[in-house]
Amino acid sequence: MEHGVQLPVPTRQGDTAWRRPTYAMLYRMLSNPIYGGAYAYGKTERTLHYDGGEPRASTRKPRARWLALIPHAHEAT
């Protein structure tokens, strides 16, 4: 990155480390409803499925199945 921007990342020890952002970090941050000023609840659930014989945990629900989504609940960040 040409500007040397770094974002805080929690470590396993409970500390905070500063690292260069990845595409995935930026996507998760910008697609989070709170970034746009919305309140969202019930976005995730733990379900177990098998992919090629290996167990996988799914956590993200489609937006239509979220328990609450209130646009303009607070000022956007």
PDB file of N, CA and C in Angstrom:
ATOM      1  N   MET A   1       0.835  -1.169   0.000  1.00  0.00           N
ATOM      2  CA  MET A   1       0.000   0.000   0.000  1.00  0.00           C
ATOM      3  C   MET A   1       0.884   1.238   0.000  1.00  0.00           C
ATOM      4  N   GLU A   2       0.594   2.154  -0.853  1.00  0.00           N
ATOM      5  CA  GLU A   2       1.485   3.297  -1.003  1.00  0.00           C
ATOM      6  C   GLU A   2       1.414   4.288   0.147  1.00  0.00           C
ATOM      7  N   HIS A   3       0.325   4.305   0.919  1.00  0.00           N
ATOM      8  CA  HIS A   3       0.184   5.257   2.014  1.00  0.00           C
ATOM      9  C   HIS A   3       0.529   4.649   3.373  1.00  0.00           C
ATOM     10  N   GLY A   4       0.803   3.367   3.433  1.00  0.00           N
ATOM     11  CA  GLY A   4       1.188   2.721   4.683  1.00  0.00           C
ATOM     12  C   GLY A   4       0.074   2.634   5.714  1.00  0.00           C
ATOM     13  N   VAL A   5      -1.176   2.577   5.275  1.00  0.00           N
ATOM     14  CA  VAL A   5      -2.313   2.493   6.190  1.00  0.00           C
ATOM     15  C   VAL A   5      -2.295   1.144   6.899  1.00  0.00           C
ATOM     16  N   GLN A   6      -2.552   1.157   8.205  1.00  0.00           N
ATOM     17  CA  GLN A   6      -2.634  -0.071   8.984  1.00  0.00           C
ATOM     18  C   GLN A   6      -3.912  -0.054   9.808  1.00  0.00           C
ATOM     19  N   LEU A   7      -4.454  -1.242  10.057  1.00  0.00           N
ATOM     20  CA  LEU A   7      -5.670  -1.392  10.851  1.00  0.00           C
ATOM     21  C   LEU A   7      -5.383  -2.256  12.065  1.00  0.00           C
ATOM     22  N   PRO A   8      -6.116  -2.031  13.170  1.00  0.00           N
ATOM     23  CA  PRO A   8      -5.912  -2.865  14.354  1.00  0.00           C
ATOM     24  C   PRO A   8      -6.486  -4.261  14.152  1.00  0.00           C
ATOM     25  N   VAL A   9      -5.742  -5.268  14.617  1.00  0.00           N
ATOM     26  CA  VAL A   9      -6.146  -6.664  14.518  1.00  0.00           C
ATOM     27  C   VAL A   9      -5.941  -7.307  15.886  1.00  0.00           C
ATOM     28  N   PRO A  10      -6.977  -7.960  16.445  1.00  0.00           N
ATOM     29  CA  PRO A  10      -6.774  -8.625  17.740  1.00  0.00           C
ATOM     30  C   PRO A  10      -5.882  -9.862  17.583  1.00  0.00           C
ATOM     31  N   THR A  11      -5.018 -10.088  18.558  1.00  0.00           N
ATOM     32  CA  THR A  11      -4.161 -11.269  18.544  1.00  0.00           C
ATOM     33  C   THR A  11      -4.742 -12.334  19.469  1.00  0.00           C
ATOM     34  N   ARG A  12      -4.221 -13.540  19.394  1.00  0.00           N
ATOM     35  CA  ARG A  12      -4.690 -14.631  20.255  1.00  0.00           C
ATOM     36  C   ARG A  12      -4.395 -14.385  21.725  1.00  0.00           C
ATOM     37  N   GLN A  13      -3.404 -13.552  21.992  1.00  0.00           N
ATOM     38  CA  GLN A  13      -3.029 -13.245  23.370  1.00  0.00           C
ATOM     39  C   GLN A  13      -3.910 -12.135  23.951  1.00  0.00           C
ATOM     40  N   GLY A  14      -4.820 -11.583  23.161  1.00  0.00           N
ATOM     41  CA  GLY A  14      -5.704 -10.530  23.626  1.00  0.00           C
ATOM     42  C   GLY A  14      -5.159  -9.133  23.409  1.00  0.00           C
ATOM     43  N   ASP A  15      -4.009  -9.027  22.772  1.00  0.00           N
ATOM     44  CA  ASP A  15      -3.417  -7.721  22.477  1.00  0.00           C
ATOM     45  C   ASP A  15      -3.940  -7.214  21.133  1.00  0.00           C
ATOM     46  N   THR A  16      -3.516  -6.042  20.753  1.00  0.00           N
ATOM     47  CA  THR A  16      -3.860  -5.471  19.460  1.00  0.00           C
ATOM     48  C   THR A  16      -2.589  -5.275  18.652  1.00  0.00           C
ATOM     49  N   ALA A  17      -2.603  -5.773  17.427  1.00  0.00           N
ATOM     50  CA  ALA A  17      -1.480  -5.582  16.505  1.00  0.00           C
ATOM     51  C   ALA A  17      -1.982  -4.730  15.341  1.00  0.00           C
ATOM     52  N   TRP A  18      -1.101  -3.956  14.759  1.00  0.00           N
ATOM     53  CA  TRP A  18      -1.442  -3.124  13.610  1.00  0.00           C
ATOM     54  C   TRP A  18      -0.858  -3.751  12.354  1.00  0.00           C
ATOM     55  N   ARG A  19      -1.730  -4.020  11.352  1.00  0.00           N
ATOM     56  CA  ARG A  19      -1.300  -4.693  10.127  1.00  0.00           C
ATOM     57  C   ARG A  19      -1.881  -3.994   8.899  1.00  0.00           C
ATOM     58  N   ARG A  20      -1.232  -4.242   7.773  1.00  0.00           N
ATOM     59  CA  ARG A  20      -1.767  -3.742   6.509  1.00  0.00           C
ATOM     60  C   ARG A  20      -3.094  -4.432   6.234  1.00  0.00           C
ATOM     61  N   PRO A  21      -4.112  -3.696   5.784  1.00  0.00           N
ATOM     62  CA  PRO A  21      -5.413  -4.322   5.523  1.00  0.00           C
ATOM     63  C   PRO A  21      -5.364  -5.215   4.289  1.00  0.00           C
ATOM     64  N   THR A  22      -6.108  -6.301   4.358  1.00  0.00           N
ATOM     65  CA  THR A  22      -6.277  -7.180   3.208  1.00  0.00           C
ATOM     66  C   THR A  22      -7.608  -6.843   2.546  1.00  0.00           C
ATOM     67  N   TYR A  23      -7.823  -7.370   1.382  1.00  0.00           N
ATOM     68  CA  TYR A  23      -9.103  -7.165   0.698  1.00  0.00           C
ATOM     69  C   TYR A  23     -10.247  -7.670   1.565  1.00  0.00           C
ATOM     70  N   ALA A  24     -10.084  -8.852   2.165  1.00  0.00           N
ATOM     71  CA  ALA A  24     -11.143  -9.439   2.993  1.00  0.00           C
ATOM     72  C   ALA A  24     -11.459  -8.558   4.207  1.00  0.00           C
ATOM     73  N   MET A  25     -10.433  -7.984   4.843  1.00  0.00           N
ATOM     74  CA  MET A  25     -10.655  -7.094   5.985  1.00  0.00           C
ATOM     75  C   MET A  25     -11.490  -5.886   5.566  1.00  0.00           C
ATOM     76  N   LEU A  26     -11.107  -5.264   4.461  1.00  0.00           N
ATOM     77  CA  LEU A  26     -11.823  -4.083   3.996  1.00  0.00           C
ATOM     78  C   LEU A  26     -13.253  -4.415   3.571  1.00  0.00           C
ATOM     79  N   TYR A  27     -13.440  -5.553   2.916  1.00  0.00           N
ATOM     80  CA  TYR A  27     -14.779  -5.957   2.488  1.00  0.00           C
ATOM     81  C   TYR A  27     -15.690  -6.169   3.690  1.00  0.00           C
ATOM     82  N   ARG A  28     -15.200  -6.897   4.709  1.00  0.00           N
ATOM     83  CA  ARG A  28     -16.007  -7.132   5.916  1.00  0.00           C
ATOM     84  C   ARG A  28     -16.348  -5.824   6.615  1.00  0.00           C
ATOM     85  N   MET A  29     -15.403  -4.919   6.670  1.00  0.00           N
ATOM     86  CA  MET A  29     -15.629  -3.657   7.352  1.00  0.00           C
ATOM     87  C   MET A  29     -16.665  -2.807   6.598  1.00  0.00           C
ATOM     88  N   LEU A  30     -16.498  -2.662   5.295  1.00  0.00           N
ATOM     89  CA  LEU A  30     -17.379  -1.802   4.514  1.00  0.00           C
ATOM     90  C   LEU A  30     -18.757  -2.401   4.272  1.00  0.00           C
ATOM     91  N   SER A  31     -18.890  -3.731   4.314  1.00  0.00           N
ATOM     92  CA  SER A  31     -20.199  -4.346   4.103  1.00  0.00           C
ATOM     93  C   SER A  31     -20.955  -4.561   5.413  1.00  0.00           C
ATOM     94  N   ASN A  32     -20.362  -4.172   6.536  1.00  0.00           N
ATOM     95  CA  ASN A  32     -21.031  -4.285   7.825  1.00  0.00           C
ATOM     96  C   ASN A  32     -22.122  -3.218   7.905  1.00  0.00           C
ATOM     97  N   PRO A  33     -23.354  -3.588   8.296  1.00  0.00           N
ATOM     98  CA  PRO A  33     -24.447  -2.612   8.346  1.00  0.00           C
ATOM     99  C   PRO A  33     -24.160  -1.417   9.255  1.00  0.00           C
ATOM    100  N   ILE A  34     -23.399  -1.609  10.310  1.00  0.00           N
ATOM    101  CA  ILE A  34     -23.132  -0.508  11.236  1.00  0.00           C
ATOM    102  C   ILE A  34     -22.344   0.607  10.560  1.00  0.00           C
ATOM    103  N   TYR A  35     -21.541   0.270   9.576  1.00  0.00           N
ATOM    104  CA  TYR A  35     -20.771   1.272   8.835  1.00  0.00           C
ATOM    105  C   TYR A  35     -21.693   2.261   8.135  1.00  0.00           C
ATOM    106  N   GLY A  36     -22.849   1.787   7.693  1.00  0.00           N
ATOM    107  CA  GLY A  36     -23.811   2.642   7.013  1.00  0.00           C
ATOM    108  C   GLY A  36     -24.863   3.238   7.928  1.00  0.00           C
ATOM    109  N   GLY A  37     -24.750   3.034   9.241  1.00  0.00           N
ATOM    110  CA  GLY A  37     -25.690   3.624  10.184  1.00  0.00           C
ATOM    111  C   GLY A  37     -26.883   2.751  10.509  1.00  0.00           C
ATOM    112  N   ALA A  38     -26.854   1.473  10.175  1.00  0.00           N
ATOM    113  CA  ALA A  38     -27.976   0.572  10.438  1.00  0.00           C
ATOM    114  C   ALA A  38     -27.686  -0.306  11.650  1.00  0.00           C
ATOM    115  N   TYR A  39     -28.759  -0.687  12.344  1.00  0.00           N
ATOM    116  CA  TYR A  39     -28.658  -1.657  13.432  1.00  0.00           C
ATOM    117  C   TYR A  39     -29.082  -3.003  12.860  1.00  0.00           C
ATOM    118  N   ALA A  40     -28.281  -4.023  13.076  1.00  0.00           N
ATOM    119  CA  ALA A  40     -28.612  -5.359  12.588  1.00  0.00           C
ATOM    120  C   ALA A  40     -28.395  -6.368  13.705  1.00  0.00           C
ATOM    121  N   TYR A  41     -29.324  -7.321  13.808  1.00  0.00           N
ATOM    122  CA  TYR A  41     -29.227  -8.363  14.823  1.00  0.00           C
ATOM    123  C   TYR A  41     -29.648  -9.689  14.199  1.00  0.00           C
ATOM    124  N   GLY A  42     -28.986 -10.753  14.606  1.00  0.00           N
ATOM    125  CA  GLY A  42     -29.340 -12.080  14.106  1.00  0.00           C
ATOM    126  C   GLY A  42     -28.783 -12.370  12.733  1.00  0.00           C
ATOM    127  N   LYS A  43     -27.597 -11.828  12.440  1.00  0.00           N
ATOM    128  CA  LYS A  43     -26.993 -12.030  11.122  1.00  0.00           C
ATOM    129  C   LYS A  43     -26.338 -13.398  10.986  1.00  0.00           C
ATOM    130  N   THR A  44     -26.038 -14.042  12.106  1.00  0.00           N
ATOM    131  CA  THR A  44     -25.290 -15.297  12.051  1.00  0.00           C
ATOM    132  C   THR A  44     -25.990 -16.408  12.824  1.00  0.00           C
ATOM    133  N   GLU A  45     -25.646 -17.631  12.461  1.00  0.00           N
ATOM    134  CA  GLU A  45     -26.074 -18.817  13.194  1.00  0.00           C
ATOM    135  C   GLU A  45     -25.065 -19.925  12.924  1.00  0.00           C
ATOM    136  N   ARG A  46     -24.926 -20.822  13.847  1.00  0.00           N
ATOM    137  CA  ARG A  46     -23.984 -21.923  13.689  1.00  0.00           C
ATOM    138  C   ARG A  46     -24.730 -23.145  13.175  1.00  0.00           C
ATOM    139  N   THR A  47     -24.380 -23.594  11.985  1.00  0.00           N
ATOM    140  CA  THR A  47     -24.924 -24.821  11.416  1.00  0.00           C
ATOM    141  C   THR A  47     -23.763 -25.661  10.922  1.00  0.00           C
ATOM    142  N   LEU A  48     -23.889 -26.933  11.057  1.00  0.00           N
ATOM    143  CA  LEU A  48     -22.822 -27.849  10.639  1.00  0.00           C
ATOM    144  C   LEU A  48     -23.251 -28.562   9.370  1.00  0.00           C
ATOM    145  N   HIS A  49     -22.385 -28.549   8.368  1.00  0.00           N
ATOM    146  CA  HIS A  49     -22.615 -29.308   7.154  1.00  0.00           C
ATOM    147  C   HIS A  49     -21.297 -29.956   6.744  1.00  0.00           C
ATOM    148  N   TYR A  50     -21.384 -30.895   5.824  1.00  0.00           N
ATOM    149  CA  TYR A  50     -20.186 -31.619   5.405  1.00  0.00           C
ATOM    150  C   TYR A  50     -19.866 -31.297   3.952  1.00  0.00           C
ATOM    151  N   ASP A  51     -18.609 -30.990   3.707  1.00  0.00           N
ATOM    152  CA  ASP A  51     -18.131 -30.674   2.369  1.00  0.00           C
ATOM    153  C   ASP A  51     -17.002 -31.637   2.058  1.00  0.00           C
ATOM    154  N   GLY A  52     -17.256 -32.600   1.176  1.00  0.00           N
ATOM    155  CA  GLY A  52     -16.243 -33.592   0.842  1.00  0.00           C
ATOM    156  C   GLY A  52     -15.877 -34.480   2.026  1.00  0.00           C
ATOM    157  N   GLY A  53     -16.828 -34.729   2.909  1.00  0.00           N
ATOM    158  CA  GLY A  53     -16.586 -35.569   4.071  1.00  0.00           C
ATOM    159  C   GLY A  53     -16.009 -34.825   5.266  1.00  0.00           C
ATOM    160  N   GLU A  54     -15.683 -33.544   5.094  1.00  0.00           N
ATOM    161  CA  GLU A  54     -15.124 -32.739   6.176  1.00  0.00           C
ATOM    162  C   GLU A  54     -16.206 -31.838   6.774  1.00  0.00           C
ATOM    163  N   PRO A  55     -16.275 -31.743   8.101  1.00  0.00           N
ATOM    164  CA  PRO A  55     -17.280 -30.862   8.707  1.00  0.00           C
ATOM    165  C   PRO A  55     -16.922 -29.395   8.496  1.00  0.00           C
ATOM    166  N   ARG A  56     -17.904 -28.608   8.182  1.00  0.00           N
ATOM    167  CA  ARG A  56     -17.753 -27.165   7.996  1.00  0.00           C
ATOM    168  C   ARG A  56     -18.846 -26.463   8.791  1.00  0.00           C
ATOM    169  N   ALA A  57     -18.523 -25.309   9.361  1.00  0.00           N
ATOM    170  CA  ALA A  57     -19.498 -24.517  10.107  1.00  0.00           C
ATOM    171  C   ALA A  57     -19.883 -23.292   9.300  1.00  0.00           C
ATOM    172  N   SER A  58     -21.166 -23.114   9.062  1.00  0.00           N
ATOM    173  CA  SER A  58     -21.661 -21.928   8.383  1.00  0.00           C
ATOM    174  C   SER A  58     -22.147 -20.951   9.437  1.00  0.00           C
ATOM    175  N   THR A  59     -21.875 -19.679   9.240  1.00  0.00           N
ATOM    176  CA  THR A  59     -22.278 -18.714  10.245  1.00  0.00           C
ATOM    177  C   THR A  59     -23.118 -17.572   9.692  1.00  0.00           C
ATOM    178  N   ARG A  60     -22.987 -17.197   8.453  1.00  0.00           N
ATOM    179  CA  ARG A  60     -23.676 -16.029   7.912  1.00  0.00           C
ATOM    180  C   ARG A  60     -25.042 -16.405   7.345  1.00  0.00           C
ATOM    181  N   LYS A  61     -26.102 -15.673   7.732  1.00  0.00           N
ATOM    182  CA  LYS A  61     -27.443 -15.892   7.199  1.00  0.00           C
ATOM    183  C   LYS A  61     -27.683 -14.918   6.045  1.00  0.00           C
ATOM    184  N   PRO A  62     -28.562 -15.277   5.122  1.00  0.00           N
ATOM    185  CA  PRO A  62     -28.968 -14.314   4.100  1.00  0.00           C
ATOM    186  C   PRO A  62     -29.714 -13.151   4.765  1.00  0.00           C
ATOM    187  N   ARG A  63     -29.628 -11.977   4.198  1.00  0.00           N
ATOM    188  CA  ARG A  63     -30.228 -10.781   4.806  1.00  0.00           C
ATOM    189  C   ARG A  63     -31.723 -10.956   5.081  1.00  0.00           C
ATOM    190  N   ALA A  64     -32.431 -11.684   4.252  1.00  0.00           N
ATOM    191  CA  ALA A  64     -33.873 -11.884   4.447  1.00  0.00           C
ATOM    192  C   ALA A  64     -34.180 -12.643   5.746  1.00  0.00           C
ATOM    193  N   ARG A  65     -33.209 -13.370   6.298  1.00  0.00           N
ATOM    194  CA  ARG A  65     -33.432 -14.159   7.515  1.00  0.00           C
ATOM    195  C   ARG A  65     -32.855 -13.505   8.776  1.00  0.00           C
ATOM    196  N   TRP A  66     -32.300 -12.275   8.675  1.00  0.00           N
ATOM    197  CA  TRP A  66     -31.825 -11.589   9.863  1.00  0.00           C
ATOM    198  C   TRP A  66     -33.016 -11.300  10.772  1.00  0.00           C
ATOM    199  N   LEU A  67     -32.810 -11.309  12.067  1.00  0.00           N
ATOM    200  CA  LEU A  67     -33.893 -11.053  13.003  1.00  0.00           C
ATOM    201  C   LEU A  67     -34.294  -9.583  13.036  1.00  0.00           C
ATOM    202  N   ALA A  68     -33.351  -8.675  12.852  1.00  0.00           N
ATOM    203  CA  ALA A  68     -33.656  -7.238  12.852  1.00  0.00           C
ATOM    204  C   ALA A  68     -32.691  -6.504  11.938  1.00  0.00           C
ATOM    205  N   LEU A  69     -33.209  -5.535  11.203  1.00  0.00           N
ATOM    206  CA  LEU A  69     -32.401  -4.625  10.410  1.00  0.00           C
ATOM    207  C   LEU A  69     -33.119  -3.280  10.418  1.00  0.00           C
ATOM    208  N   ILE A  70     -32.532  -2.307  11.109  1.00  0.00           N
ATOM    209  CA  ILE A  70     -33.140  -0.985  11.249  1.00  0.00           C
ATOM    210  C   ILE A  70     -32.217   0.033  10.588  1.00  0.00           C
ATOM    211  N   PRO A  71     -32.564   0.454   9.361  1.00  0.00           N
ATOM    212  CA  PRO A  71     -31.747   1.459   8.679  1.00  0.00           C
ATOM    213  C   PRO A  71     -31.805   2.801   9.416  1.00  0.00           C
ATOM    214  N   HIS A  72     -30.767   3.581   9.314  1.00  0.00           N
ATOM    215  CA  HIS A  72     -30.679   4.928   9.900  1.00  0.00           C
ATOM    216  C   HIS A  72     -30.881   4.913  11.419  1.00  0.00           C
ATOM    217  N   ALA A  73     -30.448   3.862  12.087  1.00  0.00           N
ATOM    218  CA  ALA A  73     -30.584   3.766  13.544  1.00  0.00           C
ATOM    219  C   ALA A  73     -29.616   4.705  14.261  1.00  0.00           C
ATOM    220  N   HIS A  74     -28.525   5.043  13.626  1.00  0.00           N
ATOM    221  CA  HIS A  74     -27.540   5.956  14.197  1.00  0.00           C
ATOM    222  C   HIS A  74     -26.758   6.593  13.054  1.00  0.00           C
ATOM    223  N   GLU A  75     -25.908   7.527  13.410  1.00  0.00           N
ATOM    224  CA  GLU A  75     -25.098   8.200  12.413  1.00  0.00           C
ATOM    225  C   GLU A  75     -24.088   7.229  11.793  1.00  0.00           C
ATOM    226  N   ALA A  76     -23.954   7.280  10.496  1.00  0.00           N
ATOM    227  CA  ALA A  76     -23.005   6.392   9.808  1.00  0.00           C
ATOM    228  C   ALA A  76     -21.586   6.776  10.183  1.00  0.00           C
ATOM    229  N   THR A  77     -20.690   5.768  10.222  1.00  0.00           N
ATOM    230  CA  THR A  77     -19.292   6.037  10.561  1.00  0.00           C
ATOM    231  C   THR A  77     -18.467   6.292   9.345  1.00  0.00           C
TER     232      THR A  77
END
